[in-house]
Amino acid sequence: MEARAELKYARISPRKVKIVLDLIRNKPCDYALAVLQHTPKAACEDLEKLLKSAMANAENNHNMDVNRLYVAECYVGQGPILKRIRPRAQGRAYRIDKKTSHVTLVLKEKE
């Protein structure tokens, strides 16, 4: 039995999200929540909200015990890239890529 939550089209680079996901993988949910609250990274706000959502899904949809949950899987994939133009010297234009992420969090109960 597993509970999952997904965050689509988050306006943050997948590379930055992956750093934070590595901190909480295979950790109990209460510990992971504490790590996310005290880590000064941009991705932590969105991931904290996502973790709380996954915990609520586990409790309400699958009747799982919240105290025994842990982060079984967490991964990030690249979403669509927003392409923007930045004017540069002598009439040139540089492209700015604004990357997006799709994050998936899977929680399971400890036996």
PDB file of N, CA and C in Angstrom:
ATOM      1  N   MET A   1       0.850  -1.178   0.000  1.00  0.00           N
ATOM      2  CA  MET A   1       0.000   0.000   0.000  1.00  0.00           C
ATOM      3  C   MET A   1       0.897   1.243   0.000  1.00  0.00           C
ATOM      4  N   GLU A   2       0.586   2.178  -0.864  1.00  0.00           N
ATOM      5  CA  GLU A   2       1.385   3.401  -0.939  1.00  0.00           C
ATOM      6  C   GLU A   2       0.481   4.591  -1.197  1.00  0.00           C
ATOM      7  N   ALA A   3       0.937   5.738  -0.756  1.00  0.00           N
ATOM      8  CA  ALA A   3       0.240   7.000  -1.015  1.00  0.00           C
ATOM      9  C   ALA A   3       1.201   7.902  -1.769  1.00  0.00           C
ATOM     10  N   ARG A   4       0.674   8.603  -2.765  1.00  0.00           N
ATOM     11  CA  ARG A   4       1.558   9.439  -3.563  1.00  0.00           C
ATOM     12  C   ARG A   4       0.934  10.814  -3.751  1.00  0.00           C
ATOM     13  N   ALA A   5       1.822  11.766  -4.044  1.00  0.00           N
ATOM     14  CA  ALA A   5       1.400  13.118  -4.386  1.00  0.00           C
ATOM     15  C   ALA A   5       2.359  13.626  -5.458  1.00  0.00           C
ATOM     16  N   GLU A   6       1.814  14.413  -6.376  1.00  0.00           N
ATOM     17  CA  GLU A   6       2.627  14.936  -7.468  1.00  0.00           C
ATOM     18  C   GLU A   6       2.517  16.451  -7.533  1.00  0.00           C
ATOM     19  N   LEU A   7       3.615  17.070  -7.855  1.00  0.00           N
ATOM     20  CA  LEU A   7       3.662  18.514  -8.082  1.00  0.00           C
ATOM     21  C   LEU A   7       4.104  18.726  -9.513  1.00  0.00           C
ATOM     22  N   LYS A   8       3.224  19.319 -10.312  1.00  0.00           N
ATOM     23  CA  LYS A   8       3.522  19.515 -11.734  1.00  0.00           C
ATOM     24  C   LYS A   8       3.827  20.985 -12.003  1.00  0.00           C
ATOM     25  N   TYR A   9       4.696  21.230 -12.954  1.00  0.00           N
ATOM     26  CA  TYR A   9       5.011  22.568 -13.457  1.00  0.00           C
ATOM     27  C   TYR A   9       5.510  23.527 -12.373  1.00  0.00           C
ATOM     28  N   ALA A  10       6.297  23.026 -11.420  1.00  0.00           N
ATOM     29  CA  ALA A  10       6.886  23.900 -10.402  1.00  0.00           C
ATOM     30  C   ALA A  10       7.962  24.752 -11.068  1.00  0.00           C
ATOM     31  N   ARG A  11       7.966  26.051 -10.800  1.00  0.00           N
ATOM     32  CA  ARG A  11       8.893  26.971 -11.472  1.00  0.00           C
ATOM     33  C   ARG A  11      10.243  27.004 -10.762  1.00  0.00           C
ATOM     34  N   ILE A  12      10.886  25.838 -10.714  1.00  0.00           N
ATOM     35  CA  ILE A  12      12.225  25.736 -10.146  1.00  0.00           C
ATOM     36  C   ILE A  12      12.957  24.636 -10.912  1.00  0.00           C
ATOM     37  N   SER A  13      14.239  24.797 -11.062  1.00  0.00           N
ATOM     38  CA  SER A  13      15.040  23.849 -11.820  1.00  0.00           C
ATOM     39  C   SER A  13      15.061  22.478 -11.128  1.00  0.00           C
ATOM     40  N   PRO A  14      14.952  21.391 -11.901  1.00  0.00           N
ATOM     41  CA  PRO A  14      14.986  20.051 -11.307  1.00  0.00           C
ATOM     42  C   PRO A  14      16.289  19.770 -10.562  1.00  0.00           C
ATOM     43  N   ARG A  15      17.360  20.374 -11.019  1.00  0.00           N
ATOM     44  CA  ARG A  15      18.661  20.187 -10.372  1.00  0.00           C
ATOM     45  C   ARG A  15      18.650  20.708  -8.935  1.00  0.00           C
ATOM     46  N   LYS A  16      17.947  21.824  -8.709  1.00  0.00           N
ATOM     47  CA  LYS A  16      17.865  22.390  -7.365  1.00  0.00           C
ATOM     48  C   LYS A  16      16.947  21.562  -6.467  1.00  0.00           C
ATOM     49  N   VAL A  17      15.890  20.991  -7.057  1.00  0.00           N
ATOM     50  CA  VAL A  17      14.955  20.170  -6.287  1.00  0.00           C
ATOM     51  C   VAL A  17      15.617  18.865  -5.867  1.00  0.00           C
ATOM     52  N   LYS A  18      16.429  18.296  -6.750  1.00  0.00           N
ATOM     53  CA  LYS A  18      17.067  17.001  -6.491  1.00  0.00           C
ATOM     54  C   LYS A  18      17.958  17.044  -5.250  1.00  0.00           C
ATOM     55  N   ILE A  19      18.615  18.177  -5.017  1.00  0.00           N
ATOM     56  CA  ILE A  19      19.485  18.323  -3.843  1.00  0.00           C
ATOM     57  C   ILE A  19      18.687  18.129  -2.554  1.00  0.00           C
ATOM     58  N   VAL A  20      17.495  18.710  -2.508  1.00  0.00           N
ATOM     59  CA  VAL A  20      16.665  18.611  -1.306  1.00  0.00           C
ATOM     60  C   VAL A  20      16.032  17.224  -1.197  1.00  0.00           C
ATOM     61  N   LEU A  21      15.623  16.639  -2.333  1.00  0.00           N
ATOM     62  CA  LEU A  21      15.015  15.307  -2.296  1.00  0.00           C
ATOM     63  C   LEU A  21      15.988  14.266  -1.760  1.00  0.00           C
ATOM     64  N   ASP A  22      17.278  14.434  -2.045  1.00  0.00           N
ATOM     65  CA  ASP A  22      18.279  13.494  -1.541  1.00  0.00           C
ATOM     66  C   ASP A  22      18.370  13.524  -0.016  1.00  0.00           C
ATOM     67  N   LEU A  23      17.986  14.653   0.593  1.00  0.00           N
ATOM     68  CA  LEU A  23      18.033  14.774   2.053  1.00  0.00           C
ATOM     69  C   LEU A  23      16.916  13.982   2.735  1.00  0.00           C
ATOM     70  N   ILE A  24      15.760  13.829   2.051  1.00  0.00           N
ATOM     71  CA  ILE A  24      14.604  13.223   2.723  1.00  0.00           C
ATOM     72  C   ILE A  24      14.287  11.807   2.248  1.00  0.00           C
ATOM     73  N   ARG A  25      14.980  11.309   1.249  1.00  0.00           N
ATOM     74  CA  ARG A  25      14.695   9.969   0.731  1.00  0.00           C
ATOM     75  C   ARG A  25      14.942   8.905   1.801  1.00  0.00           C
ATOM     76  N   ASN A  26      13.992   7.966   1.947  1.00  0.00           N
ATOM     77  CA  ASN A  26      14.027   6.855   2.919  1.00  0.00           C
ATOM     78  C   ASN A  26      14.031   7.306   4.375  1.00  0.00           C
ATOM     79  N   LYS A  27      13.523   8.493   4.643  1.00  0.00           N
ATOM     80  CA  LYS A  27      13.450   8.989   6.018  1.00  0.00           C
ATOM     81  C   LYS A  27      11.989   8.947   6.505  1.00  0.00           C
ATOM     82  N   PRO A  28      11.764   8.836   7.815  1.00  0.00           N
ATOM     83  CA  PRO A  28      10.394   8.922   8.339  1.00  0.00           C
ATOM     84  C   PRO A  28       9.792  10.294   8.030  1.00  0.00           C
ATOM     85  N   CYS A  29       8.470  10.340   7.904  1.00  0.00           N
ATOM     86  CA  CYS A  29       7.809  11.576   7.465  1.00  0.00           C
ATOM     87  C   CYS A  29       7.990  12.739   8.441  1.00  0.00           C
ATOM     88  N   ASP A  30       7.937  12.460   9.742  1.00  0.00           N
ATOM     89  CA  ASP A  30       8.098  13.563  10.703  1.00  0.00           C
ATOM     90  C   ASP A  30       9.516  14.135  10.635  1.00  0.00           C
ATOM     91  N   TYR A  31      10.514  13.267  10.436  1.00  0.00           N
ATOM     92  CA  TYR A  31      11.896  13.730  10.289  1.00  0.00           C
ATOM     93  C   TYR A  31      12.056  14.527   8.992  1.00  0.00           C
ATOM     94  N   ALA A  32      11.473  14.017   7.905  1.00  0.00           N
ATOM     95  CA  ALA A  32      11.560  14.690   6.607  1.00  0.00           C
ATOM     96  C   ALA A  32      10.915  16.075   6.676  1.00  0.00           C
ATOM     97  N   LEU A  33       9.802  16.174   7.385  1.00  0.00           N
ATOM     98  CA  LEU A  33       9.114  17.462   7.541  1.00  0.00           C
ATOM     99  C   LEU A  33       9.997  18.451   8.298  1.00  0.00           C
ATOM    100  N   ALA A  34      10.680  17.971   9.345  1.00  0.00           N
ATOM    101  CA  ALA A  34      11.584  18.831  10.111  1.00  0.00           C
ATOM    102  C   ALA A  34      12.762  19.296   9.263  1.00  0.00           C
ATOM    103  N   VAL A  35      13.293  18.398   8.435  1.00  0.00           N
ATOM    104  CA  VAL A  35      14.412  18.750   7.558  1.00  0.00           C
ATOM    105  C   VAL A  35      13.983  19.836   6.573  1.00  0.00           C
ATOM    106  N   LEU A  36      12.794  19.675   5.996  1.00  0.00           N
ATOM    107  CA  LEU A  36      12.313  20.649   5.014  1.00  0.00           C
ATOM    108  C   LEU A  36      12.051  22.016   5.649  1.00  0.00           C
ATOM    109  N   GLN A  37      11.599  22.014   6.898  1.00  0.00           N
ATOM    110  CA  GLN A  37      11.313  23.282   7.565  1.00  0.00           C
ATOM    111  C   GLN A  37      12.574  24.039   7.941  1.00  0.00           C
ATOM    112  N   HIS A  38      13.692  23.332   8.115  1.00  0.00           N
ATOM    113  CA  HIS A  38      14.911  23.986   8.591  1.00  0.00           C
ATOM    114  C   HIS A  38      16.043  24.015   7.563  1.00  0.00           C
ATOM    115  N   THR A  39      15.742  23.716   6.318  1.00  0.00           N
ATOM    116  CA  THR A  39      16.752  23.770   5.270  1.00  0.00           C
ATOM    117  C   THR A  39      16.539  25.035   4.437  1.00  0.00           C
ATOM    118  N   PRO A  40      17.555  25.878   4.314  1.00  0.00           N
ATOM    119  CA  PRO A  40      17.389  27.142   3.579  1.00  0.00           C
ATOM    120  C   PRO A  40      17.558  27.000   2.070  1.00  0.00           C
ATOM    121  N   LYS A  41      16.671  26.259   1.441  1.00  0.00           N
ATOM    122  CA  LYS A  41      16.699  26.081  -0.010  1.00  0.00           C
ATOM    123  C   LYS A  41      15.350  26.522  -0.573  1.00  0.00           C
ATOM    124  N   ALA A  42      15.369  26.982  -1.818  1.00  0.00           N
ATOM    125  CA  ALA A  42      14.147  27.492  -2.444  1.00  0.00           C
ATOM    126  C   ALA A  42      13.108  26.393  -2.642  1.00  0.00           C
ATOM    127  N   ALA A  43      13.544  25.170  -2.867  1.00  0.00           N
ATOM    128  CA  ALA A  43      12.617  24.072  -3.158  1.00  0.00           C
ATOM    129  C   ALA A  43      11.871  23.580  -1.920  1.00  0.00           C
ATOM    130  N   CYS A  44      12.335  23.938  -0.734  1.00  0.00           N
ATOM    131  CA  CYS A  44      11.779  23.374   0.500  1.00  0.00           C
ATOM    132  C   CYS A  44      10.319  23.737   0.730  1.00  0.00           C
ATOM    133  N   GLU A  45       9.921  24.945   0.382  1.00  0.00           N
ATOM    134  CA  GLU A  45       8.526  25.358   0.591  1.00  0.00           C
ATOM    135  C   GLU A  45       7.576  24.467  -0.197  1.00  0.00           C
ATOM    136  N   ASP A  46       7.852  24.292  -1.470  1.00  0.00           N
ATOM    137  CA  ASP A  46       6.990  23.465  -2.311  1.00  0.00           C
ATOM    138  C   ASP A  46       7.013  22.006  -1.872  1.00  0.00           C
ATOM    139  N   LEU A  47       8.183  21.494  -1.497  1.00  0.00           N
ATOM    140  CA  LEU A  47       8.294  20.093  -1.099  1.00  0.00           C
ATOM    141  C   LEU A  47       7.617  19.835   0.244  1.00  0.00           C
ATOM    142  N   GLU A  48       7.653  20.816   1.136  1.00  0.00           N
ATOM    143  CA  GLU A  48       6.960  20.664   2.415  1.00  0.00           C
ATOM    144  C   GLU A  48       5.459  20.548   2.192  1.00  0.00           C
ATOM    145  N   LYS A  49       4.933  21.395   1.324  1.00  0.00           N
ATOM    146  CA  LYS A  49       3.511  21.355   0.990  1.00  0.00           C
ATOM    147  C   LYS A  49       3.150  20.022   0.332  1.00  0.00           C
ATOM    148  N   LEU A  50       4.035  19.530  -0.539  1.00  0.00           N
ATOM    149  CA  LEU A  50       3.813  18.264  -1.223  1.00  0.00           C
ATOM    150  C   LEU A  50       3.825  17.092  -0.243  1.00  0.00           C
ATOM    151  N   LEU A  51       4.746  17.107   0.710  1.00  0.00           N
ATOM    152  CA  LEU A  51       4.837  16.042   1.713  1.00  0.00           C
ATOM    153  C   LEU A  51       3.587  16.016   2.587  1.00  0.00           C
ATOM    154  N   LYS A  52       3.119  17.188   2.993  1.00  0.00           N
ATOM    155  CA  LYS A  52       1.894  17.252   3.797  1.00  0.00           C
ATOM    156  C   LYS A  52       0.698  16.726   3.009  1.00  0.00           C
ATOM    157  N   SER A  53       0.663  17.020   1.717  1.00  0.00           N
ATOM    158  CA  SER A  53      -0.404  16.523   0.858  1.00  0.00           C
ATOM    159  C   SER A  53      -0.365  15.003   0.755  1.00  0.00           C
ATOM    160  N   ALA A  54       0.830  14.435   0.588  1.00  0.00           N
ATOM    161  CA  ALA A  54       0.979  12.981   0.502  1.00  0.00           C
ATOM    162  C   ALA A  54       0.573  12.312   1.818  1.00  0.00           C
ATOM    163  N   MET A  55       0.909  12.947   2.939  1.00  0.00           N
ATOM    164  CA  MET A  55       0.522  12.402   4.246  1.00  0.00           C
ATOM    165  C   MET A  55      -0.996  12.424   4.411  1.00  0.00           C
ATOM    166  N   ALA A  56      -1.626  13.501   3.958  1.00  0.00           N
ATOM    167  CA  ALA A  56      -3.083  13.597   4.033  1.00  0.00           C
ATOM    168  C   ALA A  56      -3.734  12.554   3.130  1.00  0.00           C
ATOM    169  N   ASN A  57      -3.144  12.327   1.942  1.00  0.00           N
ATOM    170  CA  ASN A  57      -3.657  11.288   1.043  1.00  0.00           C
ATOM    171  C   ASN A  57      -3.572   9.912   1.698  1.00  0.00           C
ATOM    172  N   ALA A  58      -2.453   9.651   2.375  1.00  0.00           N
ATOM    173  CA  ALA A  58      -2.267   8.360   3.035  1.00  0.00           C
ATOM    174  C   ALA A  58      -3.303   8.151   4.134  1.00  0.00           C
ATOM    175  N   GLU A  59      -3.541   9.201   4.911  1.00  0.00           N
ATOM    176  CA  GLU A  59      -4.457   9.090   6.041  1.00  0.00           C
ATOM    177  C   GLU A  59      -5.913   8.996   5.584  1.00  0.00           C
ATOM    178  N   ASN A  60      -6.310   9.854   4.668  1.00  0.00           N
ATOM    179  CA  ASN A  60      -7.721   9.942   4.290  1.00  0.00           C
ATOM    180  C   ASN A  60      -8.141   8.948   3.214  1.00  0.00           C
ATOM    181  N   ASN A  61      -7.276   8.695   2.240  1.00  0.00           N
ATOM    182  CA  ASN A  61      -7.661   7.844   1.118  1.00  0.00           C
ATOM    183  C   ASN A  61      -7.301   6.371   1.320  1.00  0.00           C
ATOM    184  N   HIS A  62      -6.233   6.103   2.075  1.00  0.00           N
ATOM    185  CA  HIS A  62      -5.751   4.723   2.205  1.00  0.00           C
ATOM    186  C   HIS A  62      -5.781   4.207   3.642  1.00  0.00           C
ATOM    187  N   ASN A  63      -6.276   5.000   4.584  1.00  0.00           N
ATOM    188  CA  ASN A  63      -6.375   4.608   6.004  1.00  0.00           C
ATOM    189  C   ASN A  63      -5.047   4.100   6.564  1.00  0.00           C
ATOM    190  N   MET A  64      -3.960   4.803   6.236  1.00  0.00           N
ATOM    191  CA  MET A  64      -2.640   4.425   6.730  1.00  0.00           C
ATOM    192  C   MET A  64      -2.345   5.202   8.014  1.00  0.00           C
ATOM    193  N   ASP A  65      -1.482   4.622   8.858  1.00  0.00           N
ATOM    194  CA  ASP A  65      -1.087   5.272  10.105  1.00  0.00           C
ATOM    195  C   ASP A  65      -0.001   6.302   9.813  1.00  0.00           C
ATOM    196  N   VAL A  66      -0.270   7.571  10.133  1.00  0.00           N
ATOM    197  CA  VAL A  66       0.642   8.672   9.808  1.00  0.00           C
ATOM    198  C   VAL A  66       1.971   8.542  10.547  1.00  0.00           C
ATOM    199  N   ASN A  67       1.946   7.965  11.749  1.00  0.00           N
ATOM    200  CA  ASN A  67       3.168   7.848  12.555  1.00  0.00           C
ATOM    201  C   ASN A  67       4.144   6.810  12.007  1.00  0.00           C
ATOM    202  N   ARG A  68       3.677   5.919  11.127  1.00  0.00           N
ATOM    203  CA  ARG A  68       4.539   4.866  10.593  1.00  0.00           C
ATOM    204  C   ARG A  68       4.934   5.103   9.146  1.00  0.00           C
ATOM    205  N   LEU A  69       4.640   6.268   8.615  1.00  0.00           N
ATOM    206  CA  LEU A  69       4.947   6.561   7.211  1.00  0.00           C
ATOM    207  C   LEU A  69       6.410   6.961   7.025  1.00  0.00           C
ATOM    208  N   TYR A  70       6.958   6.607   5.862  1.00  0.00           N
ATOM    209  CA  TYR A  70       8.288   7.075   5.482  1.00  0.00           C
ATOM    210  C   TYR A  70       8.293   7.382   3.981  1.00  0.00           C
ATOM    211  N   VAL A  71       9.269   8.168   3.552  1.00  0.00           N
ATOM    212  CA  VAL A  71       9.381   8.558   2.154  1.00  0.00           C
ATOM    213  C   VAL A  71      10.056   7.417   1.397  1.00  0.00           C
ATOM    214  N   ALA A  72       9.248   6.614   0.710  1.00  0.00           N
ATOM    215  CA  ALA A  72       9.773   5.440   0.016  1.00  0.00           C
ATOM    216  C   ALA A  72      10.461   5.833  -1.286  1.00  0.00           C
ATOM    217  N   GLU A  73       9.820   6.687  -2.057  1.00  0.00           N
ATOM    218  CA  GLU A  73      10.385   7.154  -3.326  1.00  0.00           C
ATOM    219  C   GLU A  73      10.174   8.649  -3.431  1.00  0.00           C
ATOM    220  N   CYS A  74      11.131   9.326  -4.007  1.00  0.00           N
ATOM    221  CA  CYS A  74      10.940  10.731  -4.365  1.00  0.00           C
ATOM    222  C   CYS A  74      11.863  11.029  -5.540  1.00  0.00           C
ATOM    223  N   TYR A  75      11.275  11.554  -6.576  1.00  0.00           N
ATOM    224  CA  TYR A  75      12.073  11.855  -7.760  1.00  0.00           C
ATOM    225  C   TYR A  75      11.511  13.070  -8.465  1.00  0.00           C
ATOM    226  N   VAL A  76      12.356  13.668  -9.295  1.00  0.00           N
ATOM    227  CA  VAL A  76      11.975  14.875 -10.031  1.00  0.00           C
ATOM    228  C   VAL A  76      12.325  14.676 -11.495  1.00  0.00           C
ATOM    229  N   GLY A  77      11.435  15.167 -12.347  1.00  0.00           N
ATOM    230  CA  GLY A  77      11.671  15.132 -13.782  1.00  0.00           C
ATOM    231  C   GLY A  77      11.551  16.538 -14.333  1.00  0.00           C
ATOM    232  N   GLN A  78      12.098  16.737 -15.510  1.00  0.00           N
ATOM    233  CA  GLN A  78      12.051  18.072 -16.103  1.00  0.00           C
ATOM    234  C   GLN A  78      10.710  18.303 -16.785  1.00  0.00           C
ATOM    235  N   GLY A  79      10.128  19.471 -16.533  1.00  0.00           N
ATOM    236  CA  GLY A  79       8.908  19.880 -17.208  1.00  0.00           C
ATOM    237  C   GLY A  79       9.258  20.725 -18.420  1.00  0.00           C
ATOM    238  N   PRO A  80       8.263  21.386 -18.988  1.00  0.00           N
ATOM    239  CA  PRO A  80       8.538  22.238 -20.143  1.00  0.00           C
ATOM    240  C   PRO A  80       9.397  23.442 -19.769  1.00  0.00           C
ATOM    241  N   ILE A  81      10.190  23.918 -20.722  1.00  0.00           N
ATOM    242  CA  ILE A  81      11.075  25.060 -20.489  1.00  0.00           C
ATOM    243  C   ILE A  81      10.426  26.314 -21.052  1.00  0.00           C
ATOM    244  N   LEU A  82      10.358  27.363 -20.233  1.00  0.00           N
ATOM    245  CA  LEU A  82       9.871  28.658 -20.704  1.00  0.00           C
ATOM    246  C   LEU A  82      11.064  29.391 -21.308  1.00  0.00           C
ATOM    247  N   LYS A  83      10.969  29.766 -22.556  1.00  0.00           N
ATOM    248  CA  LYS A  83      12.093  30.404 -23.249  1.00  0.00           C
ATOM    249  C   LYS A  83      11.870  31.906 -23.301  1.00  0.00           C
ATOM    250  N   ARG A  84      12.845  32.657 -22.820  1.00  0.00           N
ATOM    251  CA  ARG A  84      12.754  34.115 -22.777  1.00  0.00           C
ATOM    252  C   ARG A  84      13.987  34.711 -23.455  1.00  0.00           C
ATOM    253  N   ILE A  85      13.875  35.942 -23.899  1.00  0.00           N
ATOM    254  CA  ILE A  85      14.962  36.620 -24.606  1.00  0.00           C
ATOM    255  C   ILE A  85      15.491  37.761 -23.746  1.00  0.00           C
ATOM    256  N   ARG A  86      16.817  37.894 -23.700  1.00  0.00           N
ATOM    257  CA  ARG A  86      17.472  38.980 -22.965  1.00  0.00           C
ATOM    258  C   ARG A  86      18.292  39.795 -23.966  1.00  0.00           C
ATOM    259  N   PRO A  87      18.023  41.082 -24.069  1.00  0.00           N
ATOM    260  CA  PRO A  87      18.815  41.905 -24.995  1.00  0.00           C
ATOM    261  C   PRO A  87      20.269  42.011 -24.530  1.00  0.00           C
ATOM    262  N   ARG A  88      21.202  41.974 -25.493  1.00  0.00           N
ATOM    263  CA  ARG A  88      22.618  42.100 -25.182  1.00  0.00           C
ATOM    264  C   ARG A  88      23.233  43.159 -26.081  1.00  0.00           C
ATOM    265  N   ALA A  89      24.530  43.317 -25.954  1.00  0.00           N
ATOM    266  CA  ALA A  89      25.231  44.385 -26.672  1.00  0.00           C
ATOM    267  C   ALA A  89      25.177  44.179 -28.187  1.00  0.00           C
ATOM    268  N   GLN A  90      25.210  45.286 -28.922  1.00  0.00           N
ATOM    269  CA  GLN A  90      25.287  45.314 -30.383  1.00  0.00           C
ATOM    270  C   GLN A  90      24.115  44.586 -31.053  1.00  0.00           C
ATOM    271  N   GLY A  91      22.938  44.699 -30.462  1.00  0.00           N
ATOM    272  CA  GLY A  91      21.729  44.162 -31.086  1.00  0.00           C
ATOM    273  C   GLY A  91      21.550  42.666 -30.978  1.00  0.00           C
ATOM    274  N   ARG A  92      22.398  42.020 -30.222  1.00  0.00           N
ATOM    275  CA  ARG A  92      22.250  40.571 -30.070  1.00  0.00           C
ATOM    276  C   ARG A  92      21.183  40.259 -29.025  1.00  0.00           C
ATOM    277  N   ALA A  93      20.763  38.998 -29.007  1.00  0.00           N
ATOM    278  CA  ALA A  93      19.794  38.545 -28.004  1.00  0.00           C
ATOM    279  C   ALA A  93      20.262  37.204 -27.451  1.00  0.00           C
ATOM    280  N   TYR A  94      20.276  37.095 -26.146  1.00  0.00           N
ATOM    281  CA  TYR A  94      20.607  35.834 -25.497  1.00  0.00           C
ATOM    282  C   TYR A  94      19.318  35.198 -25.005  1.00  0.00           C
ATOM    283  N   ARG A  95      19.261  33.866 -25.075  1.00  0.00           N
ATOM    284  CA  ARG A  95      18.066  33.179 -24.606  1.00  0.00           C
ATOM    285  C   ARG A  95      18.227  32.775 -23.153  1.00  0.00           C
ATOM    286  N   ILE A  96      17.195  33.033 -22.382  1.00  0.00           N
ATOM    287  CA  ILE A  96      17.145  32.614 -20.985  1.00  0.00           C
ATOM    288  C   ILE A  96      16.159  31.451 -20.902  1.00  0.00           C
ATOM    289  N   ASP A  97      16.594  30.307 -20.374  1.00  0.00           N
ATOM    290  CA  ASP A  97      15.718  29.159 -20.200  1.00  0.00           C
ATOM    291  C   ASP A  97      15.232  29.122 -18.757  1.00  0.00           C
ATOM    292  N   LYS A  98      13.921  29.233 -18.584  1.00  0.00           N
ATOM    293  CA  LYS A  98      13.327  29.131 -17.253  1.00  0.00           C
ATOM    294  C   LYS A  98      12.760  27.729 -17.113  1.00  0.00           C
ATOM    295  N   LYS A  99      13.453  26.900 -16.347  1.00  0.00           N
ATOM    296  CA  LYS A  99      13.107  25.485 -16.271  1.00  0.00           C
ATOM    297  C   LYS A  99      11.969  25.230 -15.275  1.00  0.00           C
ATOM    298  N   THR A 100      11.213  24.164 -15.536  1.00  0.00           N
ATOM    299  CA  THR A 100      10.142  23.744 -14.628  1.00  0.00           C
ATOM    300  C   THR A 100      10.369  22.281 -14.238  1.00  0.00           C
ATOM    301  N   SER A 101       9.699  21.854 -13.178  1.00  0.00           N
ATOM    302  CA  SER A 101       9.907  20.516 -12.635  1.00  0.00           C
ATOM    303  C   SER A 101       8.580  19.804 -12.393  1.00  0.00           C
ATOM    304  N   HIS A 102       8.623  18.479 -12.496  1.00  0.00           N
ATOM    305  CA  HIS A 102       7.530  17.612 -12.074  1.00  0.00           C
ATOM    306  C   HIS A 102       8.092  16.742 -10.945  1.00  0.00           C
ATOM    307  N   VAL A 103       7.547  16.906  -9.728  1.00  0.00           N
ATOM    308  CA  VAL A 103       8.060  16.181  -8.560  1.00  0.00           C
ATOM    309  C   VAL A 103       7.035  15.136  -8.130  1.00  0.00           C
ATOM    310  N   THR A 104       7.498  13.937  -7.811  1.00  0.00           N
ATOM    311  CA  THR A 104       6.628  12.867  -7.309  1.00  0.00           C
ATOM    312  C   THR A 104       7.169  12.359  -5.976  1.00  0.00           C
ATOM    313  N   LEU A 105       6.248  12.203  -5.023  1.00  0.00           N
ATOM    314  CA  LEU A 105       6.594  11.743  -3.675  1.00  0.00           C
ATOM    315  C   LEU A 105       5.731  10.528  -3.365  1.00  0.00           C
ATOM    316  N   VAL A 106       6.335   9.418  -2.957  1.00  0.00           N
ATOM    317  CA  VAL A 106       5.597   8.196  -2.624  1.00  0.00           C
ATOM    318  C   VAL A 106       5.898   7.840  -1.171  1.00  0.00           C
ATOM    319  N   LEU A 107       4.839   7.647  -0.391  1.00  0.00           N
ATOM    320  CA  LEU A 107       4.977   7.278   1.025  1.00  0.00           C
ATOM    321  C   LEU A 107       4.489   5.852   1.218  1.00  0.00           C
ATOM    322  N   LYS A 108       5.179   5.114   2.098  1.00  0.00           N
ATOM    323  CA  LYS A 108       4.757   3.772   2.468  1.00  0.00           C
ATOM    324  C   LYS A 108       4.798   3.635   3.986  1.00  0.00           C
ATOM    325  N   GLU A 109       4.122   2.597   4.489  1.00  0.00           N
ATOM    326  CA  GLU A 109       4.110   2.311   5.931  1.00  0.00           C
ATOM    327  C   GLU A 109       5.225   1.342   6.268  1.00  0.00           C
ATOM    328  N   LYS A 110       5.865   1.577   7.407  1.00  0.00           N
ATOM    329  CA  LYS A 110       6.862   0.631   7.889  1.00  0.00           C
ATOM    330  C   LYS A 110       6.161  -0.602   8.450  1.00  0.00           C
ATOM    331  N   GLU A 111       6.776  -1.775   8.235  1.00  0.00           N
ATOM    332  CA  GLU A 111       6.193  -2.990   8.789  1.00  0.00           C
ATOM    333  C   GLU A 111       6.638  -3.219  10.206  1.00  0.00           C
TER     334      GLU A 111
END
